Amino acid sequence: MINDAIETIESGYEFLLAYAAQGRPAQAETGPGPHARPTIEGIAAAMDTLKSAFADSDNEFEQVIAEDCRKAGAALRFILSQDAIGSEIVDNL
């Protein structure tokens, strides 16, 4: 569970780096991809998994991870609330 979440975040991060560099305009995400939204949704879900896994931990480092996932998840949910996602907003993320 934790390993899968970490892998999702790592591979999603790599995808988003490449996506940000493509200069794609913000537009409706239809037709052939790649599209950032499914990757961002996956990363957000993985961060929720880590946040839940470490929420009740007594380990200070795990508490930091849970808090970082909460904060980063808020940014991801903001991006997901946009009607269109382009390279510029992904780059700023």
N, C-alpha and C. Protein backbone atom coordinates (compact mmCIF):
# COMPACT_ATOMS: atom_id res chain seq x y z
N MET A 1 0.83 -1.19 0.00
CA MET A 1 0.00 0.00 0.00
C MET A 1 0.87 1.26 0.00
N ILE A 2 1.78 1.38 0.97
CA ILE A 2 2.65 2.55 1.03
C ILE A 2 3.59 2.58 -0.16
N ASN A 3 4.18 1.41 -0.49
CA ASN A 3 5.10 1.35 -1.63
C ASN A 3 4.40 1.72 -2.93
N ASP A 4 3.17 1.25 -3.11
CA ASP A 4 2.41 1.58 -4.32
C ASP A 4 2.13 3.08 -4.39
N ALA A 5 1.80 3.68 -3.26
CA ALA A 5 1.53 5.12 -3.23
C ALA A 5 2.78 5.91 -3.58
N ILE A 6 3.90 5.51 -3.03
CA ILE A 6 5.16 6.19 -3.33
C ILE A 6 5.50 6.06 -4.81
N GLU A 7 5.32 4.88 -5.38
CA GLU A 7 5.59 4.66 -6.81
C GLU A 7 4.68 5.53 -7.67
N THR A 8 3.41 5.64 -7.30
CA THR A 8 2.47 6.48 -8.04
C THR A 8 2.92 7.93 -8.03
N ILE A 9 3.34 8.41 -6.88
CA ILE A 9 3.79 9.80 -6.76
C ILE A 9 5.06 10.02 -7.58
N GLU A 10 6.02 9.10 -7.48
CA GLU A 10 7.28 9.26 -8.22
C GLU A 10 7.06 9.24 -9.73
N SER A 11 6.30 8.28 -10.22
CA SER A 11 6.09 8.20 -11.67
C SER A 11 5.23 9.37 -12.15
N GLY A 12 4.26 9.78 -11.34
CA GLY A 12 3.45 10.94 -11.69
C GLY A 12 4.26 12.22 -11.75
N TYR A 13 5.19 12.37 -10.83
CA TYR A 13 6.06 13.54 -10.81
C TYR A 13 6.89 13.60 -12.09
N GLU A 14 7.43 12.46 -12.51
CA GLU A 14 8.22 12.41 -13.74
C GLU A 14 7.36 12.78 -14.95
N PHE A 15 6.14 12.26 -14.99
CA PHE A 15 5.23 12.59 -16.09
C PHE A 15 4.94 14.09 -16.10
N LEU A 16 4.65 14.67 -14.93
CA LEU A 16 4.30 16.09 -14.87
C LEU A 16 5.47 16.99 -15.23
N LEU A 17 6.70 16.58 -14.92
CA LEU A 17 7.86 17.35 -15.36
C LEU A 17 7.89 17.44 -16.88
N ALA A 18 7.70 16.31 -17.53
CA ALA A 18 7.70 16.28 -18.99
C ALA A 18 6.52 17.07 -19.55
N TYR A 19 5.36 16.92 -18.94
CA TYR A 19 4.15 17.62 -19.39
C TYR A 19 4.35 19.13 -19.30
N ALA A 20 4.92 19.58 -18.20
CA ALA A 20 5.14 21.02 -18.01
C ALA A 20 6.05 21.60 -19.09
N ALA A 21 7.00 20.81 -19.56
CA ALA A 21 7.96 21.28 -20.55
C ALA A 21 7.38 21.32 -21.97
N GLN A 22 6.21 20.75 -22.18
CA GLN A 22 5.64 20.65 -23.52
C GLN A 22 4.95 21.91 -24.01
N GLY A 23 4.67 22.84 -23.11
CA GLY A 23 4.01 24.07 -23.53
C GLY A 23 2.58 23.87 -24.00
N ARG A 24 1.89 22.91 -23.42
CA ARG A 24 0.49 22.65 -23.82
C ARG A 24 -0.42 23.75 -23.27
N PRO A 25 -1.30 24.29 -24.11
CA PRO A 25 -2.23 25.31 -23.62
C PRO A 25 -3.29 24.69 -22.72
N ALA A 26 -3.83 25.51 -21.85
CA ALA A 26 -4.94 25.06 -21.01
C ALA A 26 -6.18 24.99 -21.88
N GLN A 27 -6.72 23.79 -22.01
CA GLN A 27 -7.91 23.59 -22.82
C GLN A 27 -8.64 22.35 -22.33
N ALA A 28 -9.82 22.15 -22.85
CA ALA A 28 -10.58 20.96 -22.45
C ALA A 28 -9.76 19.72 -22.76
N GLU A 29 -9.77 18.79 -21.86
CA GLU A 29 -8.95 17.59 -22.00
C GLU A 29 -9.75 16.50 -22.70
N THR A 30 -9.81 16.62 -24.01
CA THR A 30 -10.48 15.62 -24.83
C THR A 30 -9.52 15.18 -25.91
N GLY A 31 -9.84 14.10 -26.55
CA GLY A 31 -9.01 13.62 -27.64
C GLY A 31 -7.74 12.95 -27.14
N PRO A 32 -6.83 12.73 -28.08
CA PRO A 32 -5.60 12.03 -27.71
C PRO A 32 -4.79 12.83 -26.70
N GLY A 33 -4.14 12.11 -25.83
CA GLY A 33 -3.37 12.73 -24.74
C GLY A 33 -1.95 12.97 -25.15
N PRO A 34 -1.11 13.13 -24.20
CA PRO A 34 -1.38 12.84 -22.80
C PRO A 34 -2.10 14.01 -22.12
N HIS A 35 -2.84 13.68 -21.08
CA HIS A 35 -3.52 14.69 -20.27
C HIS A 35 -3.00 14.58 -18.84
N ALA A 36 -2.88 15.72 -18.20
CA ALA A 36 -2.32 15.76 -16.85
C ALA A 36 -3.34 15.35 -15.78
N ARG A 37 -4.62 15.58 -16.02
CA ARG A 37 -5.63 15.38 -14.97
C ARG A 37 -5.60 13.97 -14.36
N PRO A 38 -5.58 12.89 -15.16
CA PRO A 38 -5.57 11.55 -14.55
C PRO A 38 -4.32 11.32 -13.67
N THR A 39 -3.20 11.85 -14.09
CA THR A 39 -1.98 11.70 -13.31
C THR A 39 -2.09 12.46 -12.00
N ILE A 40 -2.61 13.67 -12.05
CA ILE A 40 -2.76 14.48 -10.84
C ILE A 40 -3.77 13.83 -9.89
N GLU A 41 -4.84 13.27 -10.44
CA GLU A 41 -5.81 12.56 -9.60
C GLU A 41 -5.15 11.37 -8.90
N GLY A 42 -4.31 10.64 -9.63
CA GLY A 42 -3.61 9.50 -9.03
C GLY A 42 -2.64 9.92 -7.94
N ILE A 43 -1.93 11.00 -8.18
CA ILE A 43 -0.99 11.50 -7.16
C ILE A 43 -1.77 11.94 -5.92
N ALA A 44 -2.87 12.65 -6.12
CA ALA A 44 -3.67 13.11 -4.98
C ALA A 44 -4.18 11.93 -4.16
N ALA A 45 -4.65 10.89 -4.83
CA ALA A 45 -5.13 9.70 -4.12
C ALA A 45 -3.99 9.02 -3.37
N ALA A 46 -2.82 8.95 -3.99
CA ALA A 46 -1.65 8.34 -3.33
C ALA A 46 -1.24 9.14 -2.10
N MET A 47 -1.30 10.45 -2.21
CA MET A 47 -0.96 11.29 -1.05
C MET A 47 -1.99 11.11 0.06
N ASP A 48 -3.25 10.94 -0.28
CA ASP A 48 -4.27 10.66 0.74
C ASP A 48 -3.97 9.33 1.44
N THR A 49 -3.49 8.36 0.66
CA THR A 49 -3.12 7.06 1.24
C THR A 49 -1.99 7.23 2.26
N LEU A 50 -0.96 7.97 1.87
CA LEU A 50 0.17 8.18 2.79
C LEU A 50 -0.26 8.98 4.01
N LYS A 51 -1.07 10.00 3.77
CA LYS A 51 -1.55 10.83 4.89
C LYS A 51 -2.31 9.97 5.90
N SER A 52 -3.16 9.10 5.42
CA SER A 52 -3.92 8.22 6.30
C SER A 52 -3.03 7.20 6.99
N ALA A 53 -2.06 6.67 6.25
CA ALA A 53 -1.17 5.65 6.81
C ALA A 53 -0.33 6.20 7.96
N PHE A 54 0.04 7.47 7.87
CA PHE A 54 0.93 8.04 8.88
C PHE A 54 0.23 8.98 9.86
N ALA A 55 -1.05 9.18 9.72
CA ALA A 55 -1.78 10.16 10.53
C ALA A 55 -1.66 9.90 12.03
N ASP A 56 -1.69 8.66 12.44
CA ASP A 56 -1.67 8.35 13.87
C ASP A 56 -0.30 7.86 14.35
N SER A 57 0.71 8.06 13.52
CA SER A 57 2.05 7.59 13.87
C SER A 57 2.66 8.42 15.00
N ASP A 58 3.45 7.77 15.83
CA ASP A 58 4.21 8.47 16.86
C ASP A 58 5.57 8.93 16.33
N ASN A 59 5.92 8.49 15.13
CA ASN A 59 7.19 8.83 14.52
C ASN A 59 7.11 10.25 13.95
N GLU A 60 8.01 11.12 14.38
CA GLU A 60 7.96 12.52 13.95
C GLU A 60 8.13 12.67 12.45
N PHE A 61 9.02 11.87 11.85
CA PHE A 61 9.24 11.97 10.41
C PHE A 61 7.99 11.56 9.64
N GLU A 62 7.32 10.52 10.09
CA GLU A 62 6.09 10.11 9.43
C GLU A 62 5.01 11.17 9.58
N GLN A 63 5.01 11.88 10.70
CA GLN A 63 4.07 13.00 10.88
C GLN A 63 4.37 14.12 9.87
N VAL A 64 5.65 14.37 9.61
CA VAL A 64 6.03 15.38 8.61
C VAL A 64 5.52 14.95 7.24
N ILE A 65 5.68 13.68 6.90
CA ILE A 65 5.20 13.18 5.61
C ILE A 65 3.69 13.37 5.51
N ALA A 66 2.96 13.02 6.55
CA ALA A 66 1.50 13.17 6.54
C ALA A 66 1.11 14.63 6.34
N GLU A 67 1.78 15.53 7.01
CA GLU A 67 1.47 16.96 6.89
C GLU A 67 1.84 17.48 5.50
N ASP A 68 2.98 17.06 4.97
CA ASP A 68 3.37 17.47 3.62
C ASP A 68 2.36 16.96 2.59
N CYS A 69 1.88 15.75 2.77
CA CYS A 69 0.87 15.21 1.86
C CYS A 69 -0.43 15.99 1.96
N ARG A 70 -0.78 16.43 3.15
CA ARG A 70 -1.98 17.26 3.32
C ARG A 70 -1.83 18.57 2.56
N LYS A 71 -0.68 19.22 2.71
CA LYS A 71 -0.44 20.51 2.04
C LYS A 71 -0.36 20.36 0.53
N ALA A 72 0.42 19.39 0.07
CA ALA A 72 0.55 19.17 -1.37
C ALA A 72 -0.79 18.74 -1.98
N GLY A 73 -1.55 17.96 -1.23
CA GLY A 73 -2.86 17.54 -1.70
C GLY A 73 -3.80 18.72 -1.92
N ALA A 74 -3.68 19.74 -1.08
CA ALA A 74 -4.51 20.94 -1.26
C ALA A 74 -4.17 21.62 -2.58
N ALA A 75 -2.89 21.69 -2.92
CA ALA A 75 -2.47 22.28 -4.19
C ALA A 75 -2.99 21.44 -5.36
N LEU A 76 -2.90 20.13 -5.24
CA LEU A 76 -3.38 19.25 -6.30
C LEU A 76 -4.89 19.41 -6.51
N ARG A 77 -5.63 19.48 -5.41
CA ARG A 77 -7.08 19.64 -5.52
C ARG A 77 -7.44 21.00 -6.14
N PHE A 78 -6.63 22.01 -5.87
CA PHE A 78 -6.85 23.31 -6.51
C PHE A 78 -6.68 23.18 -8.02
N ILE A 79 -5.62 22.51 -8.46
CA ILE A 79 -5.39 22.31 -9.89
C ILE A 79 -6.55 21.52 -10.49
N LEU A 80 -6.97 20.47 -9.80
CA LEU A 80 -8.07 19.64 -10.31
C LEU A 80 -9.39 20.39 -10.38
N SER A 81 -9.54 21.46 -9.62
CA SER A 81 -10.78 22.24 -9.65
C SER A 81 -10.85 23.15 -10.87
N GLN A 82 -9.75 23.28 -11.60
CA GLN A 82 -9.73 24.12 -12.79
C GLN A 82 -10.43 23.41 -13.95
N ASP A 83 -11.10 24.18 -14.80
CA ASP A 83 -11.78 23.60 -15.95
C ASP A 83 -10.79 23.01 -16.95
N ALA A 84 -9.64 23.63 -17.08
CA ALA A 84 -8.63 23.18 -18.04
C ALA A 84 -7.26 23.23 -17.38
N ILE A 85 -6.44 22.25 -17.71
CA ILE A 85 -5.10 22.16 -17.14
C ILE A 85 -4.11 22.18 -18.29
N GLY A 86 -3.21 23.16 -18.27
CA GLY A 86 -2.17 23.24 -19.28
C GLY A 86 -0.80 23.15 -18.65
N SER A 87 0.21 23.24 -19.48
CA SER A 87 1.59 23.10 -19.01
C SER A 87 1.98 24.18 -18.00
N GLU A 88 1.47 25.40 -18.21
CA GLU A 88 1.88 26.50 -17.32
C GLU A 88 1.45 26.26 -15.87
N ILE A 89 0.22 25.84 -15.66
CA ILE A 89 -0.24 25.61 -14.29
C ILE A 89 0.46 24.40 -13.67
N VAL A 90 0.75 23.39 -14.50
CA VAL A 90 1.48 22.22 -14.01
C VAL A 90 2.91 22.63 -13.65
N ASP A 91 3.52 23.48 -14.46
CA ASP A 91 4.88 23.96 -14.16
C ASP A 91 4.89 24.74 -12.86
N ASN A 92 3.89 25.55 -12.62
CA ASN A 92 3.81 26.32 -11.37
C ASN A 92 3.51 25.44 -10.17
N LEU A 93 2.86 24.31 -10.41
CA LEU A 93 2.57 23.38 -9.33
C LEU A 93 3.86 22.86 -8.75
